[in-house]
Amino acid sequence: MKRGAWSPLLVLFGGTRERSFVDVTPDVVTFRFGFFEARIPRTDILDAARAQWPLLGGIGWRVGVGTVGLVGARQNIVAVSLREPQRVSVLGIPVRARLIFVSLEEPEAFIADLQSAT
């Protein structure tokens, strides 16, 4: 995952480089950002595309209506759309996410991997 100036604060909740990644396999996409982990079946992912993250959206683990943000930096954001809402827990807060925003070091490679995993 892409990291920014806020990295030292993210470490408090496990947001280290080793614990922050997205892994794409033919069957499952695993989102990991510190203590957050969600395993989404590949068939439940509708689309992924580059996106913008608003300045006021903040950095870290973000929760909105139907939305989860796993944001270590405001650059290189990808929005992952899900076919149906998935139940996840963000720092102990249960959320039914239909959209996951994630900051990545190589967003184009992630999108290509996701498309080739079908």
N, C-alpha and C. Protein backbone atom coordinates (compact mmCIF):
# COMPACT_ATOMS: atom_id res chain seq x y z
N MET A 1 0.84 -1.18 0.00
CA MET A 1 0.00 0.00 0.00
C MET A 1 0.88 1.24 0.00
N LYS A 2 0.39 2.26 -0.62
CA LYS A 2 1.09 3.54 -0.68
C LYS A 2 1.09 4.18 0.70
N ARG A 3 2.21 4.75 1.12
CA ARG A 3 2.36 5.35 2.44
C ARG A 3 2.72 6.82 2.30
N GLY A 4 2.33 7.61 3.28
CA GLY A 4 2.61 9.04 3.25
C GLY A 4 3.20 9.52 4.55
N ALA A 5 3.14 10.83 4.76
CA ALA A 5 3.73 11.46 5.94
C ALA A 5 3.09 11.01 7.24
N TRP A 6 1.88 10.47 7.16
CA TRP A 6 1.17 10.03 8.36
C TRP A 6 1.58 8.65 8.83
N SER A 7 2.51 8.02 8.15
CA SER A 7 2.91 6.64 8.45
C SER A 7 3.18 6.38 9.93
N PRO A 8 3.91 7.25 10.65
CA PRO A 8 4.16 6.96 12.07
C PRO A 8 2.87 6.81 12.89
N LEU A 9 1.85 7.59 12.59
CA LEU A 9 0.59 7.46 13.32
C LEU A 9 -0.15 6.18 12.97
N LEU A 10 -0.02 5.73 11.72
CA LEU A 10 -0.69 4.50 11.29
C LEU A 10 -0.11 3.27 11.99
N VAL A 11 1.16 3.35 12.36
CA VAL A 11 1.83 2.23 13.02
C VAL A 11 1.14 1.90 14.34
N LEU A 12 0.56 2.88 15.00
CA LEU A 12 -0.13 2.65 16.28
C LEU A 12 -1.24 1.61 16.15
N PHE A 13 -1.83 1.49 14.96
CA PHE A 13 -2.90 0.54 14.72
C PHE A 13 -2.46 -0.58 13.78
N GLY A 14 -1.15 -0.83 13.76
CA GLY A 14 -0.62 -1.94 12.97
C GLY A 14 -0.40 -1.62 11.51
N GLY A 15 -0.52 -0.37 11.11
CA GLY A 15 -0.39 0.01 9.70
C GLY A 15 1.05 0.09 9.24
N THR A 16 1.78 -1.01 9.36
CA THR A 16 3.16 -1.06 8.91
C THR A 16 3.20 -1.52 7.45
N ARG A 17 4.33 -1.34 6.82
CA ARG A 17 4.49 -1.76 5.42
C ARG A 17 4.25 -3.27 5.28
N GLU A 18 4.73 -4.05 6.23
CA GLU A 18 4.58 -5.51 6.17
C GLU A 18 3.13 -5.94 6.32
N ARG A 19 2.32 -5.14 7.01
CA ARG A 19 0.93 -5.51 7.27
C ARG A 19 -0.05 -4.68 6.44
N SER A 20 0.43 -4.09 5.35
CA SER A 20 -0.42 -3.26 4.50
C SER A 20 -0.22 -3.67 3.05
N PHE A 21 -1.20 -4.41 2.53
CA PHE A 21 -1.07 -4.90 1.15
C PHE A 21 -2.43 -5.34 0.63
N VAL A 22 -2.47 -5.56 -0.68
CA VAL A 22 -3.63 -6.19 -1.32
C VAL A 22 -3.06 -7.35 -2.13
N ASP A 23 -3.64 -8.53 -1.93
CA ASP A 23 -3.17 -9.73 -2.62
C ASP A 23 -4.29 -10.25 -3.51
N VAL A 24 -3.99 -10.43 -4.79
CA VAL A 24 -4.97 -10.91 -5.76
C VAL A 24 -4.62 -12.35 -6.15
N THR A 25 -5.58 -13.25 -5.96
CA THR A 25 -5.45 -14.62 -6.45
C THR A 25 -6.65 -14.88 -7.36
N PRO A 26 -6.67 -15.99 -8.08
CA PRO A 26 -7.83 -16.25 -8.93
C PRO A 26 -9.14 -16.36 -8.17
N ASP A 27 -9.07 -16.70 -6.88
CA ASP A 27 -10.31 -16.92 -6.11
C ASP A 27 -10.66 -15.80 -5.14
N VAL A 28 -9.65 -15.14 -4.57
CA VAL A 28 -9.88 -14.20 -3.47
C VAL A 28 -8.97 -12.98 -3.60
N VAL A 29 -9.50 -11.82 -3.20
CA VAL A 29 -8.68 -10.63 -3.06
C VAL A 29 -8.63 -10.32 -1.57
N THR A 30 -7.42 -10.26 -1.02
CA THR A 30 -7.24 -9.98 0.39
C THR A 30 -6.76 -8.54 0.56
N PHE A 31 -7.51 -7.78 1.34
CA PHE A 31 -7.15 -6.40 1.68
C PHE A 31 -6.62 -6.43 3.11
N ARG A 32 -5.41 -5.93 3.31
CA ARG A 32 -4.83 -5.92 4.65
C ARG A 32 -4.26 -4.53 4.90
N PHE A 33 -4.64 -3.94 6.00
CA PHE A 33 -4.11 -2.63 6.39
C PHE A 33 -4.04 -2.63 7.91
N GLY A 34 -2.88 -3.02 8.44
CA GLY A 34 -2.73 -3.13 9.88
C GLY A 34 -3.64 -4.21 10.43
N PHE A 35 -4.46 -3.85 11.40
CA PHE A 35 -5.36 -4.82 12.03
C PHE A 35 -6.58 -5.13 11.17
N PHE A 36 -6.78 -4.42 10.07
CA PHE A 36 -7.90 -4.68 9.17
C PHE A 36 -7.51 -5.78 8.19
N GLU A 37 -8.42 -6.74 8.00
CA GLU A 37 -8.24 -7.73 6.95
C GLU A 37 -9.61 -8.13 6.43
N ALA A 38 -9.75 -8.11 5.11
CA ALA A 38 -10.98 -8.57 4.47
C ALA A 38 -10.58 -9.45 3.30
N ARG A 39 -11.21 -10.60 3.22
CA ARG A 39 -11.01 -11.53 2.10
C ARG A 39 -12.30 -11.53 1.30
N ILE A 40 -12.23 -10.96 0.10
CA ILE A 40 -13.40 -10.81 -0.76
C ILE A 40 -13.28 -11.82 -1.91
N PRO A 41 -14.27 -12.68 -2.07
CA PRO A 41 -14.24 -13.59 -3.22
C PRO A 41 -14.12 -12.80 -4.53
N ARG A 42 -13.28 -13.28 -5.40
CA ARG A 42 -13.03 -12.60 -6.68
C ARG A 42 -14.34 -12.40 -7.47
N THR A 43 -15.23 -13.36 -7.36
CA THR A 43 -16.50 -13.27 -8.08
C THR A 43 -17.40 -12.16 -7.53
N ASP A 44 -17.13 -11.68 -6.32
CA ASP A 44 -17.92 -10.60 -5.73
C ASP A 44 -17.40 -9.22 -6.08
N ILE A 45 -16.28 -9.15 -6.81
CA ILE A 45 -15.73 -7.86 -7.21
C ILE A 45 -16.26 -7.50 -8.59
N LEU A 46 -16.89 -6.35 -8.66
CA LEU A 46 -17.50 -5.89 -9.90
C LEU A 46 -16.50 -5.15 -10.78
N ASP A 47 -15.71 -4.25 -10.16
CA ASP A 47 -14.83 -3.39 -10.95
C ASP A 47 -13.79 -2.76 -10.04
N ALA A 48 -12.70 -2.28 -10.64
CA ALA A 48 -11.69 -1.51 -9.94
C ALA A 48 -11.19 -0.43 -10.88
N ALA A 49 -11.05 0.78 -10.37
CA ALA A 49 -10.62 1.89 -11.21
C ALA A 49 -9.91 2.93 -10.36
N ARG A 50 -9.04 3.70 -11.03
CA ARG A 50 -8.38 4.82 -10.34
C ARG A 50 -9.44 5.77 -9.82
N ALA A 51 -9.15 6.40 -8.69
CA ALA A 51 -10.10 7.31 -8.05
C ALA A 51 -9.34 8.44 -7.36
N GLN A 52 -10.06 9.44 -6.97
CA GLN A 52 -9.52 10.55 -6.19
C GLN A 52 -9.95 10.36 -4.73
N TRP A 53 -9.11 10.75 -3.80
CA TRP A 53 -9.46 10.73 -2.39
C TRP A 53 -9.47 12.17 -1.91
N PRO A 54 -10.59 12.64 -1.35
CA PRO A 54 -10.68 14.05 -0.97
C PRO A 54 -9.74 14.39 0.19
N LEU A 55 -9.24 15.59 0.19
CA LEU A 55 -8.37 16.07 1.25
C LEU A 55 -9.03 15.91 2.62
N LEU A 56 -10.30 16.23 2.69
CA LEU A 56 -11.02 16.11 3.96
C LEU A 56 -11.39 14.67 4.29
N GLY A 57 -11.13 13.74 3.38
CA GLY A 57 -11.40 12.32 3.64
C GLY A 57 -10.47 11.74 4.68
N GLY A 58 -9.31 12.37 4.86
CA GLY A 58 -8.36 11.93 5.87
C GLY A 58 -7.52 10.75 5.45
N ILE A 59 -6.65 10.36 6.34
CA ILE A 59 -5.71 9.26 6.13
C ILE A 59 -5.98 8.20 7.20
N GLY A 60 -5.83 6.96 6.84
CA GLY A 60 -6.01 5.87 7.80
C GLY A 60 -7.19 4.99 7.42
N TRP A 61 -7.85 4.46 8.42
CA TRP A 61 -9.01 3.60 8.23
C TRP A 61 -10.23 4.50 8.25
N ARG A 62 -10.95 4.56 7.15
CA ARG A 62 -12.08 5.48 7.03
C ARG A 62 -13.34 4.67 6.76
N VAL A 63 -14.44 5.13 7.34
CA VAL A 63 -15.72 4.45 7.19
C VAL A 63 -16.77 5.46 6.79
N GLY A 64 -17.55 5.13 5.77
CA GLY A 64 -18.69 5.94 5.35
C GLY A 64 -19.85 5.00 5.08
N VAL A 65 -20.95 5.54 4.63
CA VAL A 65 -22.11 4.71 4.33
C VAL A 65 -21.77 3.80 3.14
N GLY A 66 -21.63 2.51 3.40
CA GLY A 66 -21.31 1.55 2.35
C GLY A 66 -19.90 1.63 1.82
N THR A 67 -19.05 2.40 2.50
CA THR A 67 -17.70 2.65 1.99
C THR A 67 -16.65 2.43 3.07
N VAL A 68 -15.54 1.83 2.67
CA VAL A 68 -14.38 1.67 3.53
C VAL A 68 -13.19 2.29 2.81
N GLY A 69 -12.40 3.06 3.53
CA GLY A 69 -11.17 3.63 2.99
C GLY A 69 -9.98 3.06 3.73
N LEU A 70 -9.03 2.52 3.00
CA LEU A 70 -7.77 2.02 3.56
C LEU A 70 -6.69 2.89 2.94
N VAL A 71 -6.45 4.03 3.55
CA VAL A 71 -5.71 5.10 2.90
C VAL A 71 -4.45 5.46 3.70
N GLY A 72 -3.30 5.10 3.12
CA GLY A 72 -2.02 5.46 3.72
C GLY A 72 -1.45 6.73 3.11
N ALA A 73 -1.97 7.13 1.95
CA ALA A 73 -1.57 8.35 1.26
C ALA A 73 -2.69 8.73 0.30
N ARG A 74 -2.80 10.00 -0.03
CA ARG A 74 -3.90 10.45 -0.89
C ARG A 74 -3.64 10.18 -2.37
N GLN A 75 -2.44 9.76 -2.74
CA GLN A 75 -2.11 9.47 -4.13
C GLN A 75 -2.36 7.99 -4.43
N ASN A 76 -2.50 7.71 -5.73
CA ASN A 76 -2.61 6.33 -6.22
C ASN A 76 -3.76 5.56 -5.58
N ILE A 77 -4.92 6.18 -5.55
CA ILE A 77 -6.11 5.57 -4.96
C ILE A 77 -6.83 4.73 -6.02
N VAL A 78 -7.29 3.56 -5.60
CA VAL A 78 -8.11 2.70 -6.44
C VAL A 78 -9.42 2.44 -5.69
N ALA A 79 -10.53 2.56 -6.41
CA ALA A 79 -11.85 2.23 -5.85
C ALA A 79 -12.25 0.86 -6.37
N VAL A 80 -12.55 -0.04 -5.44
CA VAL A 80 -12.96 -1.40 -5.78
C VAL A 80 -14.45 -1.52 -5.48
N SER A 81 -15.25 -1.73 -6.53
CA SER A 81 -16.70 -1.86 -6.40
C SER A 81 -17.07 -3.33 -6.22
N LEU A 82 -17.96 -3.59 -5.27
CA LEU A 82 -18.39 -4.95 -4.98
C LEU A 82 -19.81 -5.18 -5.50
N ARG A 83 -20.09 -6.39 -5.95
CA ARG A 83 -21.42 -6.72 -6.46
C ARG A 83 -22.49 -6.58 -5.38
N GLU A 84 -22.19 -7.08 -4.21
CA GLU A 84 -23.10 -7.02 -3.07
C GLU A 84 -22.30 -6.50 -1.87
N PRO A 85 -22.96 -5.82 -0.95
CA PRO A 85 -22.24 -5.36 0.24
C PRO A 85 -21.61 -6.54 0.99
N GLN A 86 -20.38 -6.34 1.44
CA GLN A 86 -19.65 -7.34 2.20
C GLN A 86 -19.52 -6.86 3.64
N ARG A 87 -19.70 -7.77 4.57
CA ARG A 87 -19.58 -7.44 6.00
C ARG A 87 -18.10 -7.46 6.37
N VAL A 88 -17.59 -6.32 6.84
CA VAL A 88 -16.20 -6.21 7.30
C VAL A 88 -16.19 -5.46 8.63
N SER A 89 -15.06 -5.52 9.32
CA SER A 89 -14.90 -4.81 10.59
C SER A 89 -13.70 -3.89 10.46
N VAL A 90 -13.92 -2.60 10.68
CA VAL A 90 -12.85 -1.61 10.59
C VAL A 90 -12.58 -1.10 12.01
N LEU A 91 -11.45 -1.52 12.58
CA LEU A 91 -11.07 -1.15 13.95
C LEU A 91 -12.23 -1.39 14.92
N GLY A 92 -12.88 -2.51 14.75
CA GLY A 92 -13.97 -2.89 15.64
C GLY A 92 -15.34 -2.37 15.25
N ILE A 93 -15.42 -1.58 14.20
CA ILE A 93 -16.70 -1.03 13.74
C ILE A 93 -17.21 -1.90 12.60
N PRO A 94 -18.37 -2.57 12.78
CA PRO A 94 -18.91 -3.39 11.69
C PRO A 94 -19.47 -2.51 10.57
N VAL A 95 -19.14 -2.88 9.34
CA VAL A 95 -19.55 -2.10 8.17
C VAL A 95 -19.99 -3.07 7.09
N ARG A 96 -21.01 -2.68 6.34
CA ARG A 96 -21.39 -3.42 5.13
C ARG A 96 -20.90 -2.58 3.96
N ALA A 97 -19.75 -2.96 3.43
CA ALA A 97 -19.08 -2.17 2.40
C ALA A 97 -19.47 -2.64 1.01
N ARG A 98 -19.76 -1.68 0.17
CA ARG A 98 -20.01 -1.96 -1.25
C ARG A 98 -18.89 -1.35 -2.10
N LEU A 99 -18.08 -0.49 -1.46
CA LEU A 99 -16.99 0.19 -2.16
C LEU A 99 -15.80 0.26 -1.20
N ILE A 100 -14.64 -0.17 -1.69
CA ILE A 100 -13.41 -0.11 -0.89
C ILE A 100 -12.41 0.76 -1.63
N PHE A 101 -11.96 1.82 -0.96
CA PHE A 101 -10.90 2.67 -1.51
C PHE A 101 -9.59 2.24 -0.87
N VAL A 102 -8.55 2.13 -1.67
CA VAL A 102 -7.26 1.69 -1.16
C VAL A 102 -6.15 2.47 -1.87
N SER A 103 -5.15 2.91 -1.10
CA SER A 103 -3.99 3.58 -1.71
C SER A 103 -2.92 2.53 -1.95
N LEU A 104 -2.36 2.55 -3.15
CA LEU A 104 -1.42 1.51 -3.55
C LEU A 104 -0.15 2.11 -4.13
N GLU A 105 0.95 1.39 -4.01
CA GLU A 105 2.20 1.83 -4.62
C GLU A 105 2.15 1.66 -6.13
N GLU A 106 1.47 0.62 -6.61
CA GLU A 106 1.38 0.34 -8.05
C GLU A 106 -0.09 0.09 -8.42
N PRO A 107 -0.88 1.14 -8.51
CA PRO A 107 -2.31 0.95 -8.77
C PRO A 107 -2.62 0.30 -10.11
N GLU A 108 -1.87 0.64 -11.15
CA GLU A 108 -2.14 0.06 -12.47
C GLU A 108 -1.86 -1.45 -12.48
N ALA A 109 -0.81 -1.86 -11.78
CA ALA A 109 -0.49 -3.29 -11.70
C ALA A 109 -1.58 -4.04 -10.95
N PHE A 110 -2.12 -3.43 -9.88
CA PHE A 110 -3.22 -4.05 -9.13
C PHE A 110 -4.45 -4.23 -10.02
N ILE A 111 -4.80 -3.18 -10.75
CA ILE A 111 -5.97 -3.26 -11.63
C ILE A 111 -5.76 -4.33 -12.70
N ALA A 112 -4.57 -4.39 -13.26
CA ALA A 112 -4.26 -5.42 -14.28
C ALA A 112 -4.33 -6.81 -13.67
N ASP A 113 -3.78 -7.00 -12.47
CA ASP A 113 -3.84 -8.30 -11.79
C ASP A 113 -5.28 -8.70 -11.53
N LEU A 114 -6.08 -7.75 -11.10
CA LEU A 114 -7.47 -8.03 -10.80
C LEU A 114 -8.22 -8.45 -12.06
N GLN A 115 -7.95 -7.79 -13.17
CA GLN A 115 -8.61 -8.13 -14.43
C GLN A 115 -8.13 -9.47 -14.98
N SER A 116 -6.86 -9.81 -14.76
CA SER A 116 -6.34 -11.08 -15.29
C SER A 116 -6.71 -12.27 -14.41
N ALA A 117 -7.17 -12.02 -13.20
CA ALA A 117 -7.50 -13.10 -12.28
C ALA A 117 -8.85 -13.74 -12.59
N THR A 118 -9.55 -13.21 -13.59
CA THR A 118 -10.87 -13.77 -13.91
C THR A 118 -10.73 -15.01 -14.77
